[in-house]
């Protein structure tokens, strides 16, 4: 389920099945060119949306949350989920606080963002990591 009006119209009836919040987190570094940020942000959102599609029914994908610079991200996790998946680029250290459920941090490599094959492999690997997380009850 994605964070849009069409899908959230059925939220109340689907709420009992959706136990995982997928939170794409992005670190905006001022020294990088804007064009690179646009490409990376878009890629991260596409990865999150593809994971949500693969795991549809259990996952609510939240909008991209971003931080500018190196200050710690003071992001609270949304209440009411058993699992929280924090999706970010490798090398970025963002965190979210105050959630009662289990947390899984997944990282995406930022090399070769144009490769369709790399994109599909990334989706496969990350989706499997989430499934493994669920199978182990959130313990890893």
C-alpha atoms as a PDB file:
ATOM      1  CA  UNK A   1       0.000   0.000   0.000  1.00  0.00           C
ATOM      2  CA  UNK A   2       1.363   3.398  -0.946  1.00  0.00           C
ATOM      3  CA  UNK A   3       0.772   6.751   0.662  1.00  0.00           C
ATOM      4  CA  UNK A   4      -1.830   8.119  -1.742  1.00  0.00           C
ATOM      5  CA  UNK A   5      -5.543   8.900  -1.618  1.00  0.00           C
ATOM      6  CA  UNK A   6      -6.642   6.023  -3.848  1.00  0.00           C
ATOM      7  CA  UNK A   7      -4.947   3.306  -1.834  1.00  0.00           C
ATOM      8  CA  UNK A   8      -5.617   4.797   1.598  1.00  0.00           C
ATOM      9  CA  UNK A   9      -9.383   4.960   0.991  1.00  0.00           C
ATOM     10  CA  UNK A  10      -9.515   1.308   2.096  1.00  0.00           C
ATOM     11  CA  UNK A  11      -7.162   1.833   5.032  1.00  0.00           C
ATOM     12  CA  UNK A  12      -9.585   0.876   7.817  1.00  0.00           C
ATOM     13  CA  UNK A  13     -10.466  -2.494   6.317  1.00  0.00           C
ATOM     14  CA  UNK A  14      -6.852  -3.304   5.389  1.00  0.00           C
ATOM     15  CA  UNK A  15      -5.216  -1.980   8.562  1.00  0.00           C
ATOM     16  CA  UNK A  16      -5.187  -5.343  10.338  1.00  0.00           C
ATOM     17  CA  UNK A  17      -3.074  -6.878   7.531  1.00  0.00           C
ATOM     18  CA  UNK A  18      -0.556  -4.058   7.139  1.00  0.00           C
ATOM     19  CA  UNK A  19       2.057  -4.562   9.858  1.00  0.00           C
ATOM     20  CA  UNK A  20       5.145  -3.068   8.217  1.00  0.00           C
ATOM     21  CA  UNK A  21       6.052   0.587   7.629  1.00  0.00           C
ATOM     22  CA  UNK A  22       8.535   1.106   4.786  1.00  0.00           C
ATOM     23  CA  UNK A  23      10.375   4.403   5.303  1.00  0.00           C
ATOM     24  CA  UNK A  24      12.722   5.626   2.562  1.00  0.00           C
ATOM     25  CA  UNK A  25      15.262   8.003   4.185  1.00  0.00           C
ATOM     26  CA  UNK A  26      17.528  10.286   2.169  1.00  0.00           C
ATOM     27  CA  UNK A  27      20.570  12.305   3.196  1.00  0.00           C
ATOM     28  CA  UNK A  28      20.940  15.464   1.092  1.00  0.00           C
ATOM     29  CA  UNK A  29      24.591  16.478   1.055  1.00  0.00           C
ATOM     30  CA  UNK A  30      25.099  20.089  -0.087  1.00  0.00           C
ATOM     31  CA  UNK A  31      28.393  19.268  -1.825  1.00  0.00           C
ATOM     32  CA  UNK A  32      26.691  17.029  -4.415  1.00  0.00           C
ATOM     33  CA  UNK A  33      25.101  18.567  -7.514  1.00  0.00           C
ATOM     34  CA  UNK A  34      21.313  18.875  -7.565  1.00  0.00           C
ATOM     35  CA  UNK A  35      21.054  16.644 -10.645  1.00  0.00           C
ATOM     36  CA  UNK A  36      22.721  13.795  -8.736  1.00  0.00           C
ATOM     37  CA  UNK A  37      20.348  14.271  -5.799  1.00  0.00           C
ATOM     38  CA  UNK A  38      17.338  14.132  -8.092  1.00  0.00           C
ATOM     39  CA  UNK A  39      18.589  10.891  -9.645  1.00  0.00           C
ATOM     40  CA  UNK A  40      19.388   9.292  -6.279  1.00  0.00           C
ATOM     41  CA  UNK A  41      16.114  10.383  -4.620  1.00  0.00           C
ATOM     42  CA  UNK A  42      14.125   9.096  -7.578  1.00  0.00           C
ATOM     43  CA  UNK A  43      15.988   5.790  -7.487  1.00  0.00           C
ATOM     44  CA  UNK A  44      15.387   5.339  -3.766  1.00  0.00           C
ATOM     45  CA  UNK A  45      11.657   6.001  -4.173  1.00  0.00           C
ATOM     46  CA  UNK A  46      11.493   3.554  -7.110  1.00  0.00           C
ATOM     47  CA  UNK A  47      13.222   0.879  -5.034  1.00  0.00           C
ATOM     48  CA  UNK A  48      10.783   1.453  -2.158  1.00  0.00           C
ATOM     49  CA  UNK A  49       7.762   1.359  -4.495  1.00  0.00           C
ATOM     50  CA  UNK A  50       8.960  -1.869  -6.117  1.00  0.00           C
ATOM     51  CA  UNK A  51       9.495  -3.510  -2.740  1.00  0.00           C
ATOM     52  CA  UNK A  52       6.005  -2.405  -1.691  1.00  0.00           C
ATOM     53  CA  UNK A  53       4.555  -3.956  -4.862  1.00  0.00           C
ATOM     54  CA  UNK A  54       6.357  -7.249  -4.217  1.00  0.00           C
ATOM     55  CA  UNK A  55       5.133  -7.387  -0.623  1.00  0.00           C
ATOM     56  CA  UNK A  56       1.734  -5.801  -1.211  1.00  0.00           C
ATOM     57  CA  UNK A  57      -0.774  -6.416   1.525  1.00  0.00           C
ATOM     58  CA  UNK A  58       1.610  -6.187   4.487  1.00  0.00           C
ATOM     59  CA  UNK A  59       3.558  -3.013   3.760  1.00  0.00           C
ATOM     60  CA  UNK A  60       2.649   0.674   3.857  1.00  0.00           C
ATOM     61  CA  UNK A  61       5.237   2.749   1.998  1.00  0.00           C
ATOM     62  CA  UNK A  62       5.607   6.207   3.505  1.00  0.00           C
ATOM     63  CA  UNK A  63       6.747   9.252   1.514  1.00  0.00           C
ATOM     64  CA  UNK A  64      10.459   9.946   1.224  1.00  0.00           C
ATOM     65  CA  UNK A  65      11.891  11.626   4.320  1.00  0.00           C
ATOM     66  CA  UNK A  66      15.079  13.571   3.826  1.00  0.00           C
ATOM     67  CA  UNK A  67      17.651  15.348   5.894  1.00  0.00           C
ATOM     68  CA  UNK A  68      19.970  18.125   4.751  1.00  0.00           C
ATOM     69  CA  UNK A  69      23.548  17.967   5.952  1.00  0.00           C
ATOM     70  CA  UNK A  70      25.055  15.863   8.711  1.00  0.00           C
ATOM     71  CA  UNK A  71      22.797  16.800  11.608  1.00  0.00           C
ATOM     72  CA  UNK A  72      21.128  13.758  13.190  1.00  0.00           C
ATOM     73  CA  UNK A  73      17.692  13.050  11.812  1.00  0.00           C
ATOM     74  CA  UNK A  74      15.080  13.611  14.496  1.00  0.00           C
ATOM     75  CA  UNK A  75      12.437  11.493  12.802  1.00  0.00           C
ATOM     76  CA  UNK A  76       9.848   9.644  14.832  1.00  0.00           C
ATOM     77  CA  UNK A  77       8.543   6.346  13.599  1.00  0.00           C
ATOM     78  CA  UNK A  78       4.799   6.215  12.936  1.00  0.00           C
ATOM     79  CA  UNK A  79       2.939   4.380  15.688  1.00  0.00           C
ATOM     80  CA  UNK A  80       1.081   1.128  15.296  1.00  0.00           C
ATOM     81  CA  UNK A  81       3.372  -1.078  13.206  1.00  0.00           C
ATOM     82  CA  UNK A  82       5.002  -4.339  14.243  1.00  0.00           C
ATOM     83  CA  UNK A  83       7.919  -3.803  11.831  1.00  0.00           C
ATOM     84  CA  UNK A  84       9.783  -0.754  10.531  1.00  0.00           C
ATOM     85  CA  UNK A  85      11.982  -0.985   7.449  1.00  0.00           C
ATOM     86  CA  UNK A  86      14.379   1.950   7.047  1.00  0.00           C
ATOM     87  CA  UNK A  87      15.611   2.164   3.462  1.00  0.00           C
ATOM     88  CA  UNK A  88      18.606   4.340   2.635  1.00  0.00           C
ATOM     89  CA  UNK A  89      21.774   4.501   0.566  1.00  0.00           C
ATOM     90  CA  UNK A  90      24.854   2.757   1.900  1.00  0.00           C
ATOM     91  CA  UNK A  91      27.158   5.210   3.586  1.00  0.00           C
ATOM     92  CA  UNK A  92      24.266   7.337   4.845  1.00  0.00           C
ATOM     93  CA  UNK A  93      23.596   7.080   8.549  1.00  0.00           C
ATOM     94  CA  UNK A  94      20.071   8.218   9.248  1.00  0.00           C
ATOM     95  CA  UNK A  95      17.916   6.858  11.978  1.00  0.00           C
ATOM     96  CA  UNK A  96      14.409   7.083  13.284  1.00  0.00           C
ATOM     97  CA  UNK A  97      13.403   6.881  16.916  1.00  0.00           C
ATOM     98  CA  UNK A  98      10.605   5.879  19.226  1.00  0.00           C
ATOM     99  CA  UNK A  99       8.915   2.959  17.589  1.00  0.00           C
ATOM    100  CA  UNK A 100       7.544   0.019  19.499  1.00  0.00           C
ATOM    101  CA  UNK A 101       8.123  -2.515  16.694  1.00  0.00           C
ATOM    102  CA  UNK A 102      11.219  -4.193  15.320  1.00  0.00           C
ATOM    103  CA  UNK A 103      13.541  -2.287  12.987  1.00  0.00           C
ATOM    104  CA  UNK A 104      15.310  -3.444   9.877  1.00  0.00           C
ATOM    105  CA  UNK A 105      17.796  -1.127   8.174  1.00  0.00           C
ATOM    106  CA  UNK A 106      18.283  -1.860   4.478  1.00  0.00           C
ATOM    107  CA  UNK A 107      20.880  -0.138   2.360  1.00  0.00           C
ATOM    108  CA  UNK A 108      20.968   0.472  -1.373  1.00  0.00           C
ATOM    109  CA  UNK A 109      24.200   0.874  -3.310  1.00  0.00           C
ATOM    110  CA  UNK A 110      24.461   4.092  -5.288  1.00  0.00           C
ATOM    111  CA  UNK A 111      26.677   2.887  -8.101  1.00  0.00           C
ATOM    112  CA  UNK A 112      25.290   2.149 -11.568  1.00  0.00           C
ATOM    113  CA  UNK A 113      21.797   3.564 -10.937  1.00  0.00           C
ATOM    114  CA  UNK A 114      21.019   3.271 -14.655  1.00  0.00           C
ATOM    115  CA  UNK A 115      21.241  -0.526 -14.750  1.00  0.00           C
ATOM    116  CA  UNK A 116      17.861  -2.289 -14.983  1.00  0.00           C
ATOM    117  CA  UNK A 117      19.463  -5.620 -14.040  1.00  0.00           C
ATOM    118  CA  UNK A 118      21.069  -4.141 -10.927  1.00  0.00           C
ATOM    119  CA  UNK A 119      17.718  -2.574  -9.987  1.00  0.00           C
ATOM    120  CA  UNK A 120      15.904  -5.939 -10.246  1.00  0.00           C
ATOM    121  CA  UNK A 121      18.597  -7.723  -8.244  1.00  0.00           C
ATOM    122  CA  UNK A 122      18.397  -5.009  -5.578  1.00  0.00           C
ATOM    123  CA  UNK A 123      14.607  -5.431  -5.309  1.00  0.00           C
ATOM    124  CA  UNK A 124      14.951  -9.223  -5.067  1.00  0.00           C
ATOM    125  CA  UNK A 125      17.611  -9.077  -2.354  1.00  0.00           C
ATOM    126  CA  UNK A 126      15.886  -6.416  -0.242  1.00  0.00           C
ATOM    127  CA  UNK A 127      12.462  -8.080  -0.508  1.00  0.00           C
ATOM    128  CA  UNK A 128      14.003 -11.347   0.656  1.00  0.00           C
ATOM    129  CA  UNK A 129      15.625  -9.562   3.602  1.00  0.00           C
ATOM    130  CA  UNK A 130      12.225  -8.248   4.706  1.00  0.00           C
ATOM    131  CA  UNK A 131      10.651 -11.694   4.368  1.00  0.00           C
ATOM    132  CA  UNK A 132      13.494 -13.182   6.438  1.00  0.00           C
ATOM    133  CA  UNK A 133      12.935 -10.453   9.033  1.00  0.00           C
ATOM    134  CA  UNK A 134       9.233 -11.365   9.233  1.00  0.00           C
ATOM    135  CA  UNK A 135      10.014 -15.086   9.475  1.00  0.00           C
ATOM    136  CA  UNK A 136      12.298 -14.486  12.435  1.00  0.00           C
ATOM    137  CA  UNK A 137       9.717 -12.360  14.221  1.00  0.00           C
ATOM    138  CA  UNK A 138      11.740  -9.184  13.730  1.00  0.00           C
ATOM    139  CA  UNK A 139      14.893 -10.591  15.360  1.00  0.00           C
ATOM    140  CA  UNK A 140      18.081 -10.617  13.321  1.00  0.00           C
END
